[in-house]
Amino acid sequence: MAGIPFYSVAKAVFWCFVLVFVGPFLRGVCVQVNLLLDPQIPWFVAPAAVIAVATFIWSERFAQLPASTGSLTAIKRTIVSVLLGLGVCIAGLSLMDHASVLQGRSLLPGDPDPAPGLFRAMHSLTLLASAGLIEEGAVRNIVQLRLQREMTPLAAEVIAGVVFILLHWDRWDTTAEFPFVALVAVVCGRLAAVTQSARFAALTHSVANLGIGATILYFRR
């Protein structure tokens, strides 16, 4: 290829940002409706999960999915993805203020909700888990795996990594979260490149997020 296909890059980034906006917006609507009707029962988890899975499946239309590699290979990749997620989780926790975590003072996304503790906890965990599906679907399927048809896989991976970091611009001023975001970008980018699928990257991302959220909640007991 003679140069970077700027139109294709711009189009991929556009749809990536659309998906990253629409998915969380719909999830947020479910949360707000639940808060208005009855915050005692966090039923929003079910529609939020459906939205996350649906957006990920929709994003796969942009990527050329690899041929089936067999159930054994899929199981091995799933195990590796989970282990990578746990490793990223540990790295993320090591970057955080240990005193805040151990004393139960670390903040979670659902904390501002005017609702019982169970609702806030479920909101936090649902958001963290769905972020892995929505963000990796957008960044890996729509940007990385789509663009590698028109440029080298490494170039597509780098562009996807930059887009992933840009999506988390609001965390650049924190000493813990920016390195964590960069680590997730590199690990999930490599995983998507090796497996030629965003599914394992999404699993790694979700496991890492859930691990951090669950750890913070554990020390709030």
C-alpha atoms as a PDB file:
ATOM      1  CA  MET A   1       0.000   0.000   0.000  1.00  0.00           C
ATOM      2  CA  ALA A   2       1.388   3.413  -1.012  1.00  0.00           C
ATOM      3  CA  GLY A   3       0.071   5.408   1.928  1.00  0.00           C
ATOM      4  CA  ILE A   4      -2.427   5.668   4.736  1.00  0.00           C
ATOM      5  CA  PRO A   5      -6.067   5.466   3.520  1.00  0.00           C
ATOM      6  CA  PHE A   6      -7.188   8.575   5.392  1.00  0.00           C
ATOM      7  CA  TYR A   7     -10.827   8.303   4.326  1.00  0.00           C
ATOM      8  CA  SER A   8     -11.055   4.715   5.578  1.00  0.00           C
ATOM      9  CA  VAL A   9      -9.368   5.699   8.849  1.00  0.00           C
ATOM     10  CA  ALA A  10     -11.733   8.640   9.335  1.00  0.00           C
ATOM     11  CA  LYS A  11     -14.768   6.486   8.566  1.00  0.00           C
ATOM     12  CA  ALA A  12     -13.656   3.737  10.953  1.00  0.00           C
ATOM     13  CA  VAL A  13     -12.932   6.226  13.754  1.00  0.00           C
ATOM     14  CA  PHE A  14     -16.309   7.884  13.188  1.00  0.00           C
ATOM     15  CA  TRP A  15     -18.252   4.628  13.564  1.00  0.00           C
ATOM     16  CA  CYS A  16     -16.076   3.660  16.512  1.00  0.00           C
ATOM     17  CA  PHE A  17     -17.030   6.844  18.366  1.00  0.00           C
ATOM     18  CA  VAL A  18     -20.686   6.389  17.409  1.00  0.00           C
ATOM     19  CA  LEU A  19     -20.759   2.932  18.931  1.00  0.00           C
ATOM     20  CA  VAL A  20     -18.900   4.036  22.062  1.00  0.00           C
ATOM     21  CA  PHE A  21     -21.464   6.823  22.516  1.00  0.00           C
ATOM     22  CA  VAL A  22     -24.654   4.928  21.656  1.00  0.00           C
ATOM     23  CA  GLY A  23     -23.970   1.807  23.742  1.00  0.00           C
ATOM     24  CA  PRO A  24     -23.307   3.610  27.061  1.00  0.00           C
ATOM     25  CA  PHE A  25     -26.133   6.085  26.339  1.00  0.00           C
ATOM     26  CA  LEU A  26     -28.692   3.283  26.004  1.00  0.00           C
ATOM     27  CA  ARG A  27     -27.275   1.602  29.087  1.00  0.00           C
ATOM     28  CA  GLY A  28     -27.561   4.884  30.964  1.00  0.00           C
ATOM     29  CA  VAL A  29     -31.198   5.211  29.945  1.00  0.00           C
ATOM     30  CA  CYS A  30     -31.913   1.789  31.461  1.00  0.00           C
ATOM     31  CA  VAL A  31     -30.202   2.817  34.698  1.00  0.00           C
ATOM     32  CA  GLN A  32     -32.137   6.080  34.955  1.00  0.00           C
ATOM     33  CA  VAL A  33     -35.487   4.406  34.265  1.00  0.00           C
ATOM     34  CA  ASN A  34     -34.700   1.813  36.941  1.00  0.00           C
ATOM     35  CA  LEU A  35     -33.827   4.585  39.408  1.00  0.00           C
ATOM     36  CA  LEU A  36     -37.094   6.371  38.708  1.00  0.00           C
ATOM     37  CA  LEU A  37     -39.307   3.292  38.978  1.00  0.00           C
ATOM     38  CA  ASP A  38     -37.799   1.237  41.784  1.00  0.00           C
ATOM     39  CA  PRO A  39     -34.098   1.382  42.767  1.00  0.00           C
ATOM     40  CA  GLN A  40     -34.575  -1.476  45.239  1.00  0.00           C
ATOM     41  CA  ILE A  41     -34.329  -4.048  42.427  1.00  0.00           C
ATOM     42  CA  PRO A  42     -31.490  -3.490  39.893  1.00  0.00           C
ATOM     43  CA  TRP A  43     -33.310  -4.993  36.914  1.00  0.00           C
ATOM     44  CA  PHE A  44     -31.426  -2.715  34.516  1.00  0.00           C
ATOM     45  CA  VAL A  45     -28.608  -5.304  34.473  1.00  0.00           C
ATOM     46  CA  ALA A  46     -30.492  -7.543  32.006  1.00  0.00           C
ATOM     47  CA  PRO A  47     -31.208  -4.924  29.301  1.00  0.00           C
ATOM     48  CA  ALA A  48     -27.751  -3.396  29.816  1.00  0.00           C
ATOM     49  CA  ALA A  49     -26.164  -6.794  29.154  1.00  0.00           C
ATOM     50  CA  VAL A  50     -28.285  -7.263  26.027  1.00  0.00           C
ATOM     51  CA  ILE A  51     -27.241  -3.815  24.772  1.00  0.00           C
ATOM     52  CA  ALA A  52     -23.553  -4.568  25.328  1.00  0.00           C
ATOM     53  CA  VAL A  53     -23.715  -7.929  23.549  1.00  0.00           C
ATOM     54  CA  ALA A  54     -25.825  -6.504  20.708  1.00  0.00           C
ATOM     55  CA  THR A  55     -23.425  -3.622  20.090  1.00  0.00           C
ATOM     56  CA  PHE A  56     -20.482  -6.024  20.043  1.00  0.00           C
ATOM     57  CA  ILE A  57     -22.223  -8.347  17.578  1.00  0.00           C
ATOM     58  CA  TRP A  58     -23.116  -5.345  15.408  1.00  0.00           C
ATOM     59  CA  SER A  59     -19.484  -4.236  15.400  1.00  0.00           C
ATOM     60  CA  GLU A  60     -18.391  -7.589  13.981  1.00  0.00           C
ATOM     61  CA  ARG A  61     -19.965  -6.677  10.665  1.00  0.00           C
ATOM     62  CA  PHE A  62     -16.956  -4.390  10.095  1.00  0.00           C
ATOM     63  CA  ALA A  63     -14.351  -7.100  10.698  1.00  0.00           C
ATOM     64  CA  GLN A  64     -13.540 -10.120   8.593  1.00  0.00           C
ATOM     65  CA  LEU A  65     -13.980 -12.869  11.149  1.00  0.00           C
ATOM     66  CA  PRO A  66     -11.425 -15.723  10.996  1.00  0.00           C
ATOM     67  CA  ALA A  67     -12.420 -19.244  10.062  1.00  0.00           C
ATOM     68  CA  SER A  68     -13.287 -21.548  12.932  1.00  0.00           C
ATOM     69  CA  THR A  69     -10.142 -22.868  14.617  1.00  0.00           C
ATOM     70  CA  GLY A  70     -11.798 -25.681  16.544  1.00  0.00           C
ATOM     71  CA  SER A  71     -13.154 -25.910  20.046  1.00  0.00           C
ATOM     72  CA  LEU A  72      -9.802 -26.850  21.636  1.00  0.00           C
ATOM     73  CA  THR A  73      -8.050 -23.774  20.267  1.00  0.00           C
ATOM     74  CA  ALA A  74     -10.968 -21.590  21.314  1.00  0.00           C
ATOM     75  CA  ILE A  75     -10.806 -22.995  24.856  1.00  0.00           C
ATOM     76  CA  LYS A  76      -7.049 -22.369  25.038  1.00  0.00           C
ATOM     77  CA  ARG A  77      -7.483 -18.799  23.831  1.00  0.00           C
ATOM     78  CA  THR A  78     -10.288 -18.243  26.311  1.00  0.00           C
ATOM     79  CA  ILE A  79      -8.106 -19.437  29.178  1.00  0.00           C
ATOM     80  CA  VAL A  80      -5.212 -17.259  28.024  1.00  0.00           C
ATOM     81  CA  SER A  81      -7.563 -14.275  27.699  1.00  0.00           C
ATOM     82  CA  VAL A  82      -8.836 -14.751  31.255  1.00  0.00           C
ATOM     83  CA  LEU A  83      -5.292 -15.077  32.605  1.00  0.00           C
ATOM     84  CA  LEU A  84      -4.239 -11.947  30.724  1.00  0.00           C
ATOM     85  CA  GLY A  85      -7.252 -10.144  32.158  1.00  0.00           C
ATOM     86  CA  LEU A  86      -6.254 -11.152  35.674  1.00  0.00           C
ATOM     87  CA  GLY A  87      -2.715  -9.983  35.009  1.00  0.00           C
ATOM     88  CA  VAL A  88      -3.920  -6.616  33.739  1.00  0.00           C
ATOM     89  CA  CYS A  89      -6.214  -6.401  36.771  1.00  0.00           C
ATOM     90  CA  ILE A  90      -3.303  -6.954  39.145  1.00  0.00           C
ATOM     91  CA  ALA A  91      -1.244  -4.370  37.281  1.00  0.00           C
ATOM     92  CA  GLY A  92      -4.114  -1.892  37.493  1.00  0.00           C
ATOM     93  CA  LEU A  93      -4.551  -2.456  41.222  1.00  0.00           C
ATOM     94  CA  SER A  94      -0.813  -2.000  41.769  1.00  0.00           C
ATOM     95  CA  LEU A  95      -1.063   1.446  40.176  1.00  0.00           C
ATOM     96  CA  MET A  96      -3.869   2.560  42.485  1.00  0.00           C
ATOM     97  CA  ASP A  97      -3.593   4.186  45.897  1.00  0.00           C
ATOM     98  CA  HIS A  98      -3.341   1.080  48.095  1.00  0.00           C
ATOM     99  CA  ALA A  99      -4.609   2.885  51.192  1.00  0.00           C
ATOM    100  CA  SER A 100      -7.760   4.024  49.385  1.00  0.00           C
ATOM    101  CA  VAL A 101      -8.451   0.492  48.129  1.00  0.00           C
ATOM    102  CA  LEU A 102      -7.839  -1.225  51.453  1.00  0.00           C
ATOM    103  CA  GLN A 103      -9.927   1.333  53.354  1.00  0.00           C
ATOM    104  CA  GLY A 104     -12.807   1.109  50.880  1.00  0.00           C
ATOM    105  CA  ARG A 105     -12.456   4.706  49.701  1.00  0.00           C
ATOM    106  CA  SER A 106     -11.728   4.078  46.019  1.00  0.00           C
ATOM    107  CA  LEU A 107     -14.520   5.388  43.812  1.00  0.00           C
ATOM    108  CA  LEU A 108     -16.618   3.342  41.386  1.00  0.00           C
ATOM    109  CA  PRO A 109     -18.878   4.530  38.511  1.00  0.00           C
ATOM    110  CA  GLY A 110     -22.112   3.700  40.341  1.00  0.00           C
ATOM    111  CA  ASP A 111     -21.254   5.506  43.570  1.00  0.00           C
ATOM    112  CA  PRO A 112     -23.137   8.750  42.758  1.00  0.00           C
ATOM    113  CA  ASP A 113     -26.451   6.909  42.244  1.00  0.00           C
ATOM    114  CA  PRO A 114     -29.160   7.893  44.763  1.00  0.00           C
ATOM    115  CA  ALA A 115     -29.913   4.242  45.421  1.00  0.00           C
ATOM    116  CA  PRO A 116     -29.209   1.359  47.830  1.00  0.00           C
ATOM    117  CA  GLY A 117     -25.738  -0.162  47.982  1.00  0.00           C
ATOM    118  CA  LEU A 118     -26.705  -3.211  45.919  1.00  0.00           C
ATOM    119  CA  PHE A 119     -27.926  -1.001  43.071  1.00  0.00           C
ATOM    120  CA  ARG A 120     -24.733   1.084  43.097  1.00  0.00           C
ATOM    121  CA  ALA A 121     -22.563  -2.036  43.171  1.00  0.00           C
ATOM    122  CA  MET A 122     -24.454  -3.674  40.288  1.00  0.00           C
ATOM    123  CA  HIS A 123     -24.295  -0.443  38.291  1.00  0.00           C
ATOM    124  CA  SER A 124     -20.523  -0.296  38.749  1.00  0.00           C
ATOM    125  CA  LEU A 125     -19.925  -3.939  37.829  1.00  0.00           C
ATOM    126  CA  THR A 126     -22.305  -3.825  34.859  1.00  0.00           C
ATOM    127  CA  LEU A 127     -20.638  -0.700  33.499  1.00  0.00           C
ATOM    128  CA  LEU A 128     -17.157  -2.158  33.935  1.00  0.00           C
ATOM    129  CA  ALA A 129     -18.070  -5.455  32.263  1.00  0.00           C
ATOM    130  CA  SER A 130     -19.985  -3.885  29.372  1.00  0.00           C
ATOM    131  CA  ALA A 131     -17.153  -1.422  28.748  1.00  0.00           C
ATOM    132  CA  GLY A 132     -14.975  -4.328  27.680  1.00  0.00           C
ATOM    133  CA  LEU A 133     -17.521  -5.492  25.115  1.00  0.00           C
ATOM    134  CA  ILE A 134     -18.472  -2.084  23.755  1.00  0.00           C
ATOM    135  CA  GLU A 135     -15.000  -0.543  23.641  1.00  0.00           C
ATOM    136  CA  GLU A 136     -13.209  -3.573  22.232  1.00  0.00           C
ATOM    137  CA  GLY A 137     -15.984  -4.127  19.714  1.00  0.00           C
ATOM    138  CA  ALA A 138     -15.611  -0.549  18.550  1.00  0.00           C
ATOM    139  CA  VAL A 139     -11.823  -0.258  18.627  1.00  0.00           C
ATOM    140  CA  ARG A 140     -10.840  -3.751  17.503  1.00  0.00           C
ATOM    141  CA  ASN A 141     -13.639  -4.725  15.097  1.00  0.00           C
ATOM    142  CA  ILE A 142     -14.382  -1.338  13.556  1.00  0.00           C
ATOM    143  CA  VAL A 143     -10.878   0.159  13.583  1.00  0.00           C
ATOM    144  CA  GLN A 144      -8.093  -2.416  13.924  1.00  0.00           C
ATOM    145  CA  LEU A 145      -9.456  -5.506  12.176  1.00  0.00           C
ATOM    146  CA  ARG A 146     -11.263  -3.423   9.561  1.00  0.00           C
ATOM    147  CA  LEU A 147      -8.298  -1.212   8.655  1.00  0.00           C
ATOM    148  CA  GLN A 148      -5.786  -4.033   8.411  1.00  0.00           C
ATOM    149  CA  ARG A 149      -7.411  -4.913   5.095  1.00  0.00           C
ATOM    150  CA  GLU A 150      -6.027  -1.637   3.700  1.00  0.00           C
ATOM    151  CA  MET A 151      -2.744  -1.248   5.592  1.00  0.00           C
ATOM    152  CA  THR A 152      -0.253  -3.337   7.495  1.00  0.00           C
ATOM    153  CA  PRO A 153      -1.671  -5.075  10.592  1.00  0.00           C
ATOM    154  CA  LEU A 154       0.842  -3.236  12.798  1.00  0.00           C
ATOM    155  CA  ALA A 155      -0.232   0.162  11.474  1.00  0.00           C
ATOM    156  CA  ALA A 156      -3.887  -0.711  12.072  1.00  0.00           C
ATOM    157  CA  GLU A 157      -3.023  -1.882  15.590  1.00  0.00           C
ATOM    158  CA  VAL A 158      -1.192   1.368  16.370  1.00  0.00           C
ATOM    159  CA  ILE A 159      -4.072   3.500  15.082  1.00  0.00           C
ATOM    160  CA  ALA A 160      -6.541   1.449  17.133  1.00  0.00           C
ATOM    161  CA  GLY A 161      -4.364   1.886  20.219  1.00  0.00           C
ATOM    162  CA  VAL A 162      -4.268   5.654  19.756  1.00  0.00           C
ATOM    163  CA  VAL A 163      -8.049   5.738  19.312  1.00  0.00           C
ATOM    164  CA  PHE A 164      -8.508   3.656  22.470  1.00  0.00           C
ATOM    165  CA  ILE A 165      -6.384   6.090  24.474  1.00  0.00           C
ATOM    166  CA  LEU A 166      -8.247   9.074  22.995  1.00  0.00           C
ATOM    167  CA  LEU A 167     -11.539   7.520  24.102  1.00  0.00           C
ATOM    168  CA  HIS A 168     -10.241   7.775  27.681  1.00  0.00           C
ATOM    169  CA  TRP A 169      -8.964  11.352  27.439  1.00  0.00           C
ATOM    170  CA  ASP A 170     -10.708  12.228  30.717  1.00  0.00           C
ATOM    171  CA  ARG A 171      -8.276   9.945  32.569  1.00  0.00           C
ATOM    172  CA  TRP A 172      -5.031  11.425  31.283  1.00  0.00           C
ATOM    173  CA  ASP A 173      -4.525  13.504  34.422  1.00  0.00           C
ATOM    174  CA  THR A 174      -4.488  10.537  36.798  1.00  0.00           C
ATOM    175  CA  THR A 175      -1.208   8.764  37.537  1.00  0.00           C
ATOM    176  CA  ALA A 176      -2.941   5.392  37.894  1.00  0.00           C
ATOM    177  CA  GLU A 177      -5.555   5.261  35.152  1.00  0.00           C
ATOM    178  CA  PHE A 178      -3.561   6.508  32.165  1.00  0.00           C
ATOM    179  CA  PRO A 179      -0.895   3.759  32.453  1.00  0.00           C
ATOM    180  CA  PHE A 180      -3.720   1.258  32.942  1.00  0.00           C
ATOM    181  CA  VAL A 181      -5.492   2.482  29.794  1.00  0.00           C
ATOM    182  CA  ALA A 182      -2.234   2.280  27.840  1.00  0.00           C
ATOM    183  CA  LEU A 183      -1.619  -1.254  29.129  1.00  0.00           C
ATOM    184  CA  VAL A 184      -5.119  -2.373  28.107  1.00  0.00           C
ATOM    185  CA  ALA A 185      -4.590  -0.819  24.674  1.00  0.00           C
ATOM    186  CA  VAL A 186      -1.352  -2.736  24.124  1.00  0.00           C
ATOM    187  CA  VAL A 187      -2.483  -6.093  25.539  1.00  0.00           C
ATOM    188  CA  CYS A 188      -5.865  -6.127  23.798  1.00  0.00           C
ATOM    189  CA  GLY A 189      -4.360  -4.832  20.584  1.00  0.00           C
ATOM    190  CA  ARG A 190      -1.826  -7.657  20.530  1.00  0.00           C
ATOM    191  CA  LEU A 191      -4.471 -10.218  21.435  1.00  0.00           C
ATOM    192  CA  ALA A 192      -6.745  -9.062  18.621  1.00  0.00           C
ATOM    193  CA  ALA A 193      -3.840  -9.125  16.163  1.00  0.00           C
ATOM    194  CA  VAL A 194      -2.789 -12.652  17.116  1.00  0.00           C
ATOM    195  CA  THR A 195      -6.285 -14.179  17.238  1.00  0.00           C
ATOM    196  CA  GLN A 196      -7.765 -11.977  14.486  1.00  0.00           C
ATOM    197  CA  SER A 197     -10.843 -11.593  16.683  1.00  0.00           C
ATOM    198  CA  ALA A 198     -12.052  -8.941  19.115  1.00  0.00           C
ATOM    199  CA  ARG A 199     -13.835 -11.509  21.267  1.00  0.00           C
ATOM    200  CA  PHE A 200     -10.773 -12.531  23.267  1.00  0.00           C
ATOM    201  CA  ALA A 201      -9.684  -8.906  23.672  1.00  0.00           C
ATOM    202  CA  ALA A 202     -13.150  -8.071  24.990  1.00  0.00           C
ATOM    203  CA  LEU A 203     -12.925 -10.957  27.454  1.00  0.00           C
ATOM    204  CA  THR A 204      -9.528  -9.794  28.721  1.00  0.00           C
ATOM    205  CA  HIS A 205     -10.722  -6.204  29.075  1.00  0.00           C
ATOM    206  CA  SER A 206     -13.909  -7.199  30.901  1.00  0.00           C
ATOM    207  CA  VAL A 207     -12.104  -9.566  33.279  1.00  0.00           C
ATOM    208  CA  ALA A 208      -9.573  -6.849  34.136  1.00  0.00           C
ATOM    209  CA  ASN A 209     -12.303  -4.275  34.779  1.00  0.00           C
ATOM    210  CA  LEU A 210     -14.445  -6.667  36.804  1.00  0.00           C
ATOM    211  CA  GLY A 211     -11.463  -7.781  38.852  1.00  0.00           C
ATOM    212  CA  ILE A 212     -10.657  -4.220  39.854  1.00  0.00           C
ATOM    213  CA  GLY A 213     -14.297  -3.403  40.602  1.00  0.00           C
ATOM    214  CA  ALA A 214     -14.821  -6.569  42.637  1.00  0.00           C
ATOM    215  CA  THR A 215     -11.643  -5.926  44.631  1.00  0.00           C
ATOM    216  CA  ILE A 216     -12.734  -2.403  45.511  1.00  0.00           C
ATOM    217  CA  LEU A 217     -16.174  -3.661  46.567  1.00  0.00           C
ATOM    218  CA  TYR A 218     -14.621  -6.452  48.646  1.00  0.00           C
ATOM    219  CA  PHE A 219     -12.716  -3.985  50.816  1.00  0.00           C
ATOM    220  CA  ARG A 220     -15.881  -1.967  51.419  1.00  0.00           C
ATOM    221  CA  ARG A 221     -17.400  -4.741  53.499  1.00  0.00           C
END
